[in-house]
Amino acid sequence: MSTPPSRPASEPESLARLRAEIEQVDREVIRLIARRIDLARQVGAVKRAAGLPALDPGREAAVIRRVSEVAREEGAPEEDVRYLFWHIIGMSRRVQLIEE
């Protein structure tokens, strides 16, 4: 674990604490994205072994529908979440195609 940077004298302690918490959340988000990419790599291997195509537009659309619903439930900006997940799906698709 890294040492948190020292805060400027003018920065309130509560702001520094919140920023440190955001940094922890960012680290967790990146860890989860890396885990998802690894799972996608494994899915790609299973698809290849089963003779299935790497690309599955129907499944991708279903993922976007599901994350849109979760975004609504959690009060997150739905359009932004869809945008992010299209990029995450793109990363997942690339690792499946690279292994072919």
N, C-alpha and C. Protein backbone atom coordinates (compact mmCIF):
# COMPACT_ATOMS: atom_id res chain seq x y z
N MET A 1 0.85 -1.17 0.00
CA MET A 1 0.00 0.00 0.00
C MET A 1 0.89 1.23 0.00
N SER A 2 0.56 2.20 -0.82
CA SER A 2 1.37 3.40 -0.93
C SER A 2 1.01 4.39 0.16
N THR A 3 1.94 5.27 0.44
CA THR A 3 1.72 6.30 1.43
C THR A 3 0.92 7.42 0.79
N PRO A 4 -0.14 7.87 1.46
CA PRO A 4 -0.92 8.95 0.86
C PRO A 4 -0.08 10.22 0.76
N PRO A 5 -0.29 10.99 -0.31
CA PRO A 5 0.49 12.22 -0.46
C PRO A 5 0.12 13.20 0.65
N SER A 6 1.10 14.04 1.01
CA SER A 6 0.80 15.03 2.03
C SER A 6 -0.15 16.06 1.44
N ARG A 7 -1.01 16.57 2.28
CA ARG A 7 -2.01 17.51 1.79
C ARG A 7 -1.51 18.94 1.98
N PRO A 8 -1.90 19.82 1.05
CA PRO A 8 -1.53 21.23 1.21
C PRO A 8 -2.17 21.79 2.48
N ALA A 9 -1.52 22.76 3.08
CA ALA A 9 -2.00 23.35 4.33
C ALA A 9 -3.40 23.92 4.18
N SER A 10 -3.76 24.38 2.97
CA SER A 10 -5.07 25.00 2.78
C SER A 10 -6.18 23.99 2.54
N GLU A 11 -5.83 22.71 2.37
CA GLU A 11 -6.84 21.69 2.09
C GLU A 11 -7.42 21.14 3.39
N PRO A 12 -8.74 21.21 3.53
CA PRO A 12 -9.35 20.67 4.75
C PRO A 12 -9.10 19.17 4.88
N GLU A 13 -8.99 18.72 6.11
CA GLU A 13 -8.75 17.29 6.35
C GLU A 13 -9.87 16.43 5.76
N SER A 14 -11.10 16.91 5.82
CA SER A 14 -12.22 16.13 5.27
C SER A 14 -12.07 15.95 3.76
N LEU A 15 -11.57 16.97 3.06
CA LEU A 15 -11.36 16.86 1.61
C LEU A 15 -10.26 15.85 1.31
N ALA A 16 -9.21 15.89 2.08
CA ALA A 16 -8.12 14.93 1.89
C ALA A 16 -8.61 13.51 2.13
N ARG A 17 -9.43 13.32 3.15
CA ARG A 17 -9.96 12.00 3.46
C ARG A 17 -10.87 11.49 2.33
N LEU A 18 -11.71 12.38 1.82
CA LEU A 18 -12.59 12.00 0.71
C LEU A 18 -11.79 11.65 -0.54
N ARG A 19 -10.76 12.43 -0.82
CA ARG A 19 -9.92 12.14 -1.99
C ARG A 19 -9.20 10.81 -1.83
N ALA A 20 -8.75 10.51 -0.63
CA ALA A 20 -8.09 9.22 -0.39
C ALA A 20 -9.08 8.08 -0.59
N GLU A 21 -10.32 8.28 -0.18
CA GLU A 21 -11.34 7.26 -0.37
C GLU A 21 -11.63 7.06 -1.87
N ILE A 22 -11.68 8.17 -2.61
CA ILE A 22 -11.87 8.07 -4.06
C ILE A 22 -10.73 7.29 -4.70
N GLU A 23 -9.51 7.53 -4.27
CA GLU A 23 -8.37 6.79 -4.81
C GLU A 23 -8.50 5.30 -4.53
N GLN A 24 -9.00 4.94 -3.37
CA GLN A 24 -9.23 3.52 -3.05
C GLN A 24 -10.30 2.93 -3.95
N VAL A 25 -11.37 3.68 -4.17
CA VAL A 25 -12.43 3.21 -5.06
C VAL A 25 -11.88 3.03 -6.47
N ASP A 26 -11.08 4.00 -6.93
CA ASP A 26 -10.46 3.89 -8.26
C ASP A 26 -9.63 2.62 -8.37
N ARG A 27 -8.85 2.32 -7.35
CA ARG A 27 -8.02 1.11 -7.36
C ARG A 27 -8.90 -0.14 -7.45
N GLU A 28 -10.00 -0.14 -6.72
CA GLU A 28 -10.92 -1.29 -6.74
C GLU A 28 -11.59 -1.43 -8.10
N VAL A 29 -11.99 -0.30 -8.70
CA VAL A 29 -12.60 -0.34 -10.02
C VAL A 29 -11.61 -0.94 -11.03
N ILE A 30 -10.36 -0.51 -10.98
CA ILE A 30 -9.35 -1.04 -11.90
C ILE A 30 -9.12 -2.52 -11.65
N ARG A 31 -9.09 -2.92 -10.38
CA ARG A 31 -8.92 -4.34 -10.06
C ARG A 31 -10.08 -5.16 -10.65
N LEU A 32 -11.29 -4.65 -10.54
CA LEU A 32 -12.46 -5.36 -11.06
C LEU A 32 -12.45 -5.39 -12.60
N ILE A 33 -12.01 -4.32 -13.22
CA ILE A 33 -11.91 -4.32 -14.69
C ILE A 33 -10.88 -5.37 -15.12
N ALA A 34 -9.76 -5.43 -14.44
CA ALA A 34 -8.73 -6.43 -14.77
C ALA A 34 -9.29 -7.84 -14.59
N ARG A 35 -10.07 -8.04 -13.56
CA ARG A 35 -10.68 -9.36 -13.33
C ARG A 35 -11.66 -9.69 -14.45
N ARG A 36 -12.45 -8.70 -14.86
CA ARG A 36 -13.41 -8.92 -15.94
C ARG A 36 -12.69 -9.27 -17.25
N ILE A 37 -11.59 -8.60 -17.53
CA ILE A 37 -10.82 -8.88 -18.74
C ILE A 37 -10.26 -10.30 -18.68
N ASP A 38 -9.79 -10.72 -17.52
CA ASP A 38 -9.29 -12.08 -17.38
C ASP A 38 -10.41 -13.09 -17.62
N LEU A 39 -11.59 -12.83 -17.08
CA LEU A 39 -12.73 -13.72 -17.31
C LEU A 39 -13.10 -13.76 -18.79
N ALA A 40 -13.05 -12.60 -19.45
CA ALA A 40 -13.34 -12.55 -20.88
C ALA A 40 -12.33 -13.39 -21.67
N ARG A 41 -11.08 -13.34 -21.25
CA ARG A 41 -10.04 -14.17 -21.89
C ARG A 41 -10.40 -15.64 -21.75
N GLN A 42 -10.86 -16.04 -20.57
CA GLN A 42 -11.27 -17.43 -20.34
C GLN A 42 -12.50 -17.78 -21.18
N VAL A 43 -13.45 -16.85 -21.29
CA VAL A 43 -14.63 -17.08 -22.12
C VAL A 43 -14.19 -17.30 -23.56
N GLY A 44 -13.23 -16.50 -24.02
CA GLY A 44 -12.73 -16.66 -25.38
C GLY A 44 -12.16 -18.04 -25.61
N ALA A 45 -11.42 -18.57 -24.64
CA ALA A 45 -10.84 -19.91 -24.77
C ALA A 45 -11.95 -20.96 -24.86
N VAL A 46 -12.99 -20.82 -24.04
CA VAL A 46 -14.11 -21.77 -24.07
C VAL A 46 -14.84 -21.67 -25.41
N LYS A 47 -15.05 -20.45 -25.89
CA LYS A 47 -15.71 -20.28 -27.19
C LYS A 47 -14.91 -20.95 -28.29
N ARG A 48 -13.59 -20.74 -28.29
CA ARG A 48 -12.75 -21.36 -29.33
C ARG A 48 -12.83 -22.87 -29.26
N ALA A 49 -12.78 -23.43 -28.06
CA ALA A 49 -12.85 -24.88 -27.89
C ALA A 49 -14.20 -25.44 -28.37
N ALA A 50 -15.26 -24.63 -28.22
CA ALA A 50 -16.59 -25.07 -28.62
C ALA A 50 -16.90 -24.70 -30.08
N GLY A 51 -15.96 -24.03 -30.74
CA GLY A 51 -16.18 -23.62 -32.12
C GLY A 51 -17.17 -22.48 -32.26
N LEU A 52 -17.30 -21.67 -31.24
CA LEU A 52 -18.23 -20.54 -31.26
C LEU A 52 -17.49 -19.26 -31.67
N PRO A 53 -18.19 -18.33 -32.29
CA PRO A 53 -17.54 -17.07 -32.67
C PRO A 53 -17.24 -16.22 -31.43
N ALA A 54 -16.16 -15.45 -31.50
CA ALA A 54 -15.81 -14.57 -30.39
C ALA A 54 -16.84 -13.46 -30.23
N LEU A 55 -17.33 -12.94 -31.35
CA LEU A 55 -18.27 -11.83 -31.30
C LEU A 55 -19.69 -12.35 -31.09
N ASP A 56 -20.39 -11.71 -30.15
CA ASP A 56 -21.77 -12.09 -29.86
C ASP A 56 -22.56 -10.81 -29.60
N PRO A 57 -22.99 -10.13 -30.68
CA PRO A 57 -23.69 -8.85 -30.52
C PRO A 57 -24.93 -8.93 -29.63
N GLY A 58 -25.65 -10.04 -29.66
CA GLY A 58 -26.82 -10.19 -28.81
C GLY A 58 -26.46 -10.18 -27.34
N ARG A 59 -25.38 -10.87 -27.01
CA ARG A 59 -24.91 -10.90 -25.62
C ARG A 59 -24.43 -9.51 -25.19
N GLU A 60 -23.71 -8.83 -26.08
CA GLU A 60 -23.23 -7.48 -25.75
C GLU A 60 -24.41 -6.54 -25.47
N ALA A 61 -25.45 -6.62 -26.30
CA ALA A 61 -26.63 -5.78 -26.09
C ALA A 61 -27.32 -6.12 -24.76
N ALA A 62 -27.35 -7.40 -24.42
CA ALA A 62 -27.95 -7.82 -23.15
C ALA A 62 -27.16 -7.26 -21.97
N VAL A 63 -25.84 -7.24 -22.09
CA VAL A 63 -25.01 -6.68 -21.02
C VAL A 63 -25.32 -5.19 -20.84
N ILE A 64 -25.43 -4.48 -21.96
CA ILE A 64 -25.74 -3.05 -21.88
C ILE A 64 -27.10 -2.82 -21.25
N ARG A 65 -28.08 -3.62 -21.60
CA ARG A 65 -29.41 -3.50 -20.97
C ARG A 65 -29.31 -3.74 -19.47
N ARG A 66 -28.56 -4.78 -19.09
CA ARG A 66 -28.44 -5.11 -17.67
C ARG A 66 -27.74 -4.00 -16.89
N VAL A 67 -26.64 -3.48 -17.41
CA VAL A 67 -25.93 -2.43 -16.67
C VAL A 67 -26.73 -1.13 -16.64
N SER A 68 -27.54 -0.90 -17.67
CA SER A 68 -28.41 0.28 -17.66
C SER A 68 -29.42 0.17 -16.51
N GLU A 69 -29.96 -1.02 -16.34
CA GLU A 69 -30.92 -1.24 -15.26
C GLU A 69 -30.25 -1.07 -13.89
N VAL A 70 -29.06 -1.62 -13.75
CA VAL A 70 -28.33 -1.47 -12.48
C VAL A 70 -28.01 0.00 -12.22
N ALA A 71 -27.62 0.72 -13.27
CA ALA A 71 -27.34 2.15 -13.11
C ALA A 71 -28.57 2.89 -12.60
N ARG A 72 -29.72 2.59 -13.18
CA ARG A 72 -30.97 3.23 -12.72
C ARG A 72 -31.22 2.90 -11.25
N GLU A 73 -31.06 1.62 -10.89
CA GLU A 73 -31.30 1.19 -9.51
C GLU A 73 -30.36 1.89 -8.53
N GLU A 74 -29.13 2.11 -8.96
CA GLU A 74 -28.12 2.70 -8.08
C GLU A 74 -28.08 4.23 -8.14
N GLY A 75 -28.87 4.80 -9.04
CA GLY A 75 -28.88 6.26 -9.16
C GLY A 75 -27.66 6.81 -9.89
N ALA A 76 -27.03 5.98 -10.70
CA ALA A 76 -25.87 6.41 -11.49
C ALA A 76 -26.36 6.91 -12.84
N PRO A 77 -25.61 7.81 -13.47
CA PRO A 77 -26.04 8.32 -14.77
C PRO A 77 -26.03 7.21 -15.83
N GLU A 78 -27.21 6.82 -16.25
CA GLU A 78 -27.38 5.65 -17.12
C GLU A 78 -26.60 5.76 -18.43
N GLU A 79 -26.70 6.90 -19.08
CA GLU A 79 -26.02 7.07 -20.37
C GLU A 79 -24.50 6.94 -20.20
N ASP A 80 -23.96 7.52 -19.15
CA ASP A 80 -22.52 7.44 -18.90
C ASP A 80 -22.09 6.01 -18.59
N VAL A 81 -22.91 5.29 -17.84
CA VAL A 81 -22.60 3.89 -17.53
C VAL A 81 -22.60 3.06 -18.81
N ARG A 82 -23.59 3.29 -19.67
CA ARG A 82 -23.60 2.56 -20.96
C ARG A 82 -22.33 2.86 -21.76
N TYR A 83 -21.95 4.12 -21.81
CA TYR A 83 -20.74 4.53 -22.53
C TYR A 83 -19.52 3.79 -21.99
N LEU A 84 -19.37 3.78 -20.67
CA LEU A 84 -18.23 3.08 -20.06
C LEU A 84 -18.26 1.59 -20.39
N PHE A 85 -19.44 0.99 -20.31
CA PHE A 85 -19.51 -0.45 -20.53
C PHE A 85 -19.29 -0.82 -21.99
N TRP A 86 -19.65 0.05 -22.93
CA TRP A 86 -19.31 -0.26 -24.32
C TRP A 86 -17.78 -0.33 -24.46
N HIS A 87 -17.06 0.53 -23.75
CA HIS A 87 -15.60 0.47 -23.78
C HIS A 87 -15.07 -0.79 -23.10
N ILE A 88 -15.66 -1.13 -21.98
CA ILE A 88 -15.25 -2.35 -21.27
C ILE A 88 -15.52 -3.58 -22.14
N ILE A 89 -16.67 -3.60 -22.79
CA ILE A 89 -16.99 -4.71 -23.70
C ILE A 89 -15.97 -4.76 -24.83
N GLY A 90 -15.59 -3.60 -25.34
CA GLY A 90 -14.59 -3.55 -26.40
C GLY A 90 -13.26 -4.15 -25.95
N MET A 91 -12.85 -3.83 -24.72
CA MET A 91 -11.61 -4.42 -24.19
C MET A 91 -11.76 -5.93 -24.08
N SER A 92 -12.90 -6.38 -23.61
CA SER A 92 -13.15 -7.81 -23.46
C SER A 92 -13.14 -8.51 -24.82
N ARG A 93 -13.76 -7.88 -25.79
CA ARG A 93 -13.81 -8.44 -27.14
C ARG A 93 -12.38 -8.57 -27.72
N ARG A 94 -11.58 -7.54 -27.52
CA ARG A 94 -10.21 -7.56 -28.05
C ARG A 94 -9.39 -8.71 -27.46
N VAL A 95 -9.51 -8.97 -26.16
CA VAL A 95 -8.72 -10.07 -25.60
C VAL A 95 -9.21 -11.42 -26.13
N GLN A 96 -10.49 -11.51 -26.43
CA GLN A 96 -10.99 -12.75 -27.02
C GLN A 96 -10.48 -12.92 -28.45
N LEU A 97 -10.42 -11.86 -29.20
CA LEU A 97 -9.97 -11.92 -30.59
C LEU A 97 -8.46 -12.11 -30.69
N ILE A 98 -7.71 -11.52 -29.77
CA ILE A 98 -6.23 -11.64 -29.79
C ILE A 98 -5.81 -13.07 -29.62
N GLU A 99 -6.52 -13.80 -28.79
CA GLU A 99 -6.14 -15.18 -28.48
C GLU A 99 -6.48 -16.14 -29.60
N GLU A 100 -7.23 -15.67 -30.61
CA GLU A 100 -7.63 -16.58 -31.70
C GLU A 100 -6.44 -16.99 -32.55
